[in-house]
Protein backbone atom coordinates (compact mmCIF):
# COMPACT_ATOMS: atom_id res chain seq x y z
CA MET A 1 109.24 0.58 -15.79
CA ALA A 2 105.84 1.29 -14.24
CA LEU A 3 102.61 2.89 -15.24
CA LYS A 4 102.00 6.09 -13.26
CA GLU A 5 98.79 7.34 -14.88
CA ALA A 6 95.95 4.87 -15.65
CA ARG A 7 94.73 6.92 -18.60
CA PHE A 8 97.92 5.90 -20.53
CA GLY A 9 97.44 2.23 -19.88
CA ASP A 10 96.83 1.32 -23.51
CA VAL A 11 99.95 3.16 -24.67
CA PHE A 12 101.99 1.71 -21.86
CA ALA A 13 100.80 -1.81 -22.72
CA ALA A 14 101.80 -1.33 -26.42
CA LEU A 15 105.21 -0.02 -25.36
CA ALA A 16 105.84 -2.85 -22.91
CA GLU A 17 104.71 -5.50 -25.49
CA ASP A 18 106.89 -4.02 -28.21
CA LEU A 19 110.00 -3.86 -25.97
CA SER A 20 109.58 -7.32 -24.53
CA ARG A 21 108.94 -8.94 -27.86
CA ARG A 22 111.94 -7.32 -29.51
CA VAL A 23 114.33 -7.77 -26.60
CA ALA A 24 113.34 -11.47 -26.34
CA ALA A 25 114.13 -11.99 -30.03
CA ALA A 26 117.69 -10.59 -29.61
CA GLY A 27 120.45 -13.08 -29.97
CA THR A 28 122.87 -11.96 -27.33
CA ALA A 29 122.79 -9.82 -24.20
CA ALA A 30 124.59 -7.04 -26.03
CA ASP A 31 121.98 -7.25 -28.83
CA ALA A 32 119.16 -7.10 -26.24
CA VAL A 33 120.62 -3.97 -24.66
CA ALA A 34 121.14 -2.33 -28.06
CA THR A 35 117.58 -3.32 -29.12
CA LEU A 36 116.03 -2.00 -25.88
CA LEU A 37 117.80 1.29 -26.15
CA GLY A 38 117.04 1.73 -29.86
CA GLN A 39 113.37 0.89 -29.35
CA LEU A 40 113.05 3.25 -26.34
CA ALA A 41 114.58 6.05 -28.51
CA ARG A 42 112.08 5.36 -31.32
CA TRP A 43 109.11 5.38 -28.83
CA GLN A 44 110.42 8.63 -27.28
CA LYS A 45 110.63 10.18 -30.70
CA PHE A 46 107.16 8.98 -31.66
CA LEU A 47 105.55 10.19 -28.42
CA ALA A 48 107.32 13.51 -28.44
CA ALA A 49 106.48 14.27 -32.09
CA SER A 50 104.27 17.19 -31.13
CA VAL A 51 103.49 18.91 -27.86
CA GLU A 52 99.91 19.48 -29.05
CA GLY A 53 99.48 16.02 -30.36
CA LEU A 54 98.82 14.79 -33.83
CA SER A 55 97.04 17.05 -36.40
CA GLU A 56 93.63 15.98 -37.49
CA GLU A 57 95.06 14.76 -40.73
CA ALA A 58 97.83 12.73 -38.95
CA GLN A 59 95.21 11.20 -36.66
CA ARG A 60 93.11 10.10 -39.67
CA GLY A 61 96.30 8.61 -41.30
CA LEU A 62 97.32 6.80 -38.12
CA TRP A 63 93.81 5.40 -37.65
CA GLY A 64 93.83 4.21 -41.23
CA GLU A 65 97.13 2.45 -40.90
CA LEU A 66 96.11 0.80 -37.57
CA HIS A 67 92.72 -0.20 -38.97
CA CYS A 68 94.37 -1.75 -42.03
CA MET A 69 96.79 -3.52 -39.86
CA ARG A 70 94.05 -4.94 -37.56
CA GLU A 71 91.49 -5.86 -40.25
CA ARG A 72 93.67 -6.85 -43.18
CA LEU A 73 97.24 -7.59 -42.32
CA ILE A 74 97.11 -9.38 -38.96
CA PRO A 75 94.54 -11.90 -40.12
CA VAL A 76 96.86 -12.80 -43.08
CA LEU A 77 100.40 -12.29 -41.69
CA GLY A 78 99.97 -12.52 -37.96
CA ALA A 79 100.47 -9.74 -35.46
CA ALA A 80 104.32 -9.93 -35.21
CA ALA A 81 104.83 -9.77 -39.00
CA ALA A 82 102.25 -7.03 -39.46
CA VAL A 83 103.75 -4.86 -36.71
CA ALA A 84 107.35 -5.49 -37.96
CA GLY A 85 106.31 -4.33 -41.38
CA TRP A 86 104.72 -1.14 -40.18
CA LYS A 87 106.95 1.85 -41.04
CA GLY A 88 104.44 4.64 -40.36
CA GLY A 89 106.48 6.28 -37.63
CA GLU A 90 109.67 6.18 -39.62
CA ARG A 91 108.48 8.52 -42.47
CA ALA A 92 109.18 5.71 -45.05
CA GLN A 93 107.82 5.79 -48.57
CA GLN A 94 105.16 3.22 -47.76
CA ASP A 95 103.30 2.68 -44.49
CA PHE A 96 104.04 -1.10 -44.52
CA GLN A 97 107.18 -2.71 -46.02
CA PHE A 98 107.66 -6.46 -46.30
CA ALA A 99 110.17 -8.63 -48.14
CA THR A 100 107.57 -9.44 -50.82
CA GLY A 101 106.03 -5.97 -51.28
CA ALA A 102 104.91 -2.73 -49.64
CA LEU A 103 101.58 -1.00 -48.89
CA GLU A 104 100.61 2.61 -48.68
CA VAL A 105 97.37 3.23 -46.75
């Protein structure tokens, strides 16, 4: 996997970090492959959500979720737990779901 357009560096970095973290946590080689393929499919779905990009309302919602994650959740839970609890791209009932509760931004 290689970055071909510098303007997408931030997105590529997020993708690479997500994939490497999740694959590294897999227990077996088979789990690692399944995790990699599953996460690539999720990223592909997320990035292909709209040819024209996110609507203005969706952009505000995404910004709010990411701002909440950075300012409120990461300082308390740590980055890995905050990101793992984020369900925004999955159309879940709440934007963040954890074992002890959920949060809608």
